[in-house]
Amino acid sequence: MPRIEPQDASLKDLSGLHLWHAPMSSCSKRVRIVIAEIGHEFESHLINLV
């Protein structure tokens, strides 16, 4: 997978897997399930879609 360099300087200090998601989104629920099934840890960043 290609690496994309962030444009925002605050993102450059992040490491590991980060997931920006909406708690009630069915798509993000599926992603969280897969991440849990494969045993990866991730940092959760909640977003408000309303």
Protein backbone atom coordinates (compact mmCIF):
# COMPACT_ATOMS: atom_id res chain seq x y z
CA MET A 1 0.00 0.00 0.00
CA PRO A 2 1.45 3.41 -0.88
CA ARG A 3 2.24 5.83 1.90
CA ILE A 4 0.54 9.22 1.70
CA GLU A 5 2.35 12.05 3.45
CA PRO A 6 -0.09 14.21 5.47
CA GLN A 7 -0.55 17.86 4.56
CA ASP A 8 -1.57 18.83 8.11
CA ALA A 9 1.42 19.16 10.46
CA SER A 10 -0.59 17.87 13.45
CA LEU A 11 -1.04 14.52 11.69
CA LYS A 12 2.67 13.95 11.17
CA ASP A 13 3.15 12.97 14.83
CA LEU A 14 0.57 10.16 14.67
CA SER A 15 1.80 6.59 14.48
CA GLY A 16 0.02 3.27 14.27
CA LEU A 17 -3.52 2.67 13.09
CA HIS A 18 -6.00 5.53 13.53
CA LEU A 19 -9.67 5.27 12.65
CA TRP A 20 -11.82 8.36 12.20
CA HIS A 21 -15.40 7.12 12.41
CA ALA A 22 -18.99 7.81 13.39
CA PRO A 23 -20.18 5.44 16.15
CA MET A 24 -23.54 4.64 14.55
CA SER A 25 -22.25 4.23 11.00
CA SER A 26 -22.77 0.69 9.72
CA CYS A 27 -19.67 1.00 7.52
CA SER A 28 -17.43 2.00 10.39
CA LYS A 29 -18.92 -0.77 12.55
CA ARG A 30 -17.82 -3.30 9.93
CA VAL A 31 -14.32 -1.84 9.88
CA ARG A 32 -14.09 -1.98 13.68
CA ILE A 33 -15.25 -5.61 13.65
CA VAL A 34 -12.57 -6.60 11.13
CA ILE A 35 -9.87 -4.76 13.08
CA ALA A 36 -10.96 -6.57 16.26
CA GLU A 37 -11.07 -9.96 14.51
CA ILE A 38 -7.51 -9.65 13.24
CA GLY A 39 -6.35 -8.43 16.63
CA HIS A 40 -4.99 -5.01 15.73
CA GLU A 41 -5.13 -2.14 18.16
CA PHE A 42 -6.21 1.24 16.88
CA GLU A 43 -6.75 4.75 18.11
CA SER A 44 -10.37 5.84 17.77
CA HIS A 45 -11.28 9.35 16.62
CA LEU A 46 -15.02 10.00 16.72
CA ILE A 47 -16.61 12.33 14.20
CA ASN A 48 -20.10 13.80 14.21
CA LEU A 49 -21.92 13.36 10.90
CA VAL A 50 -24.93 15.40 11.93
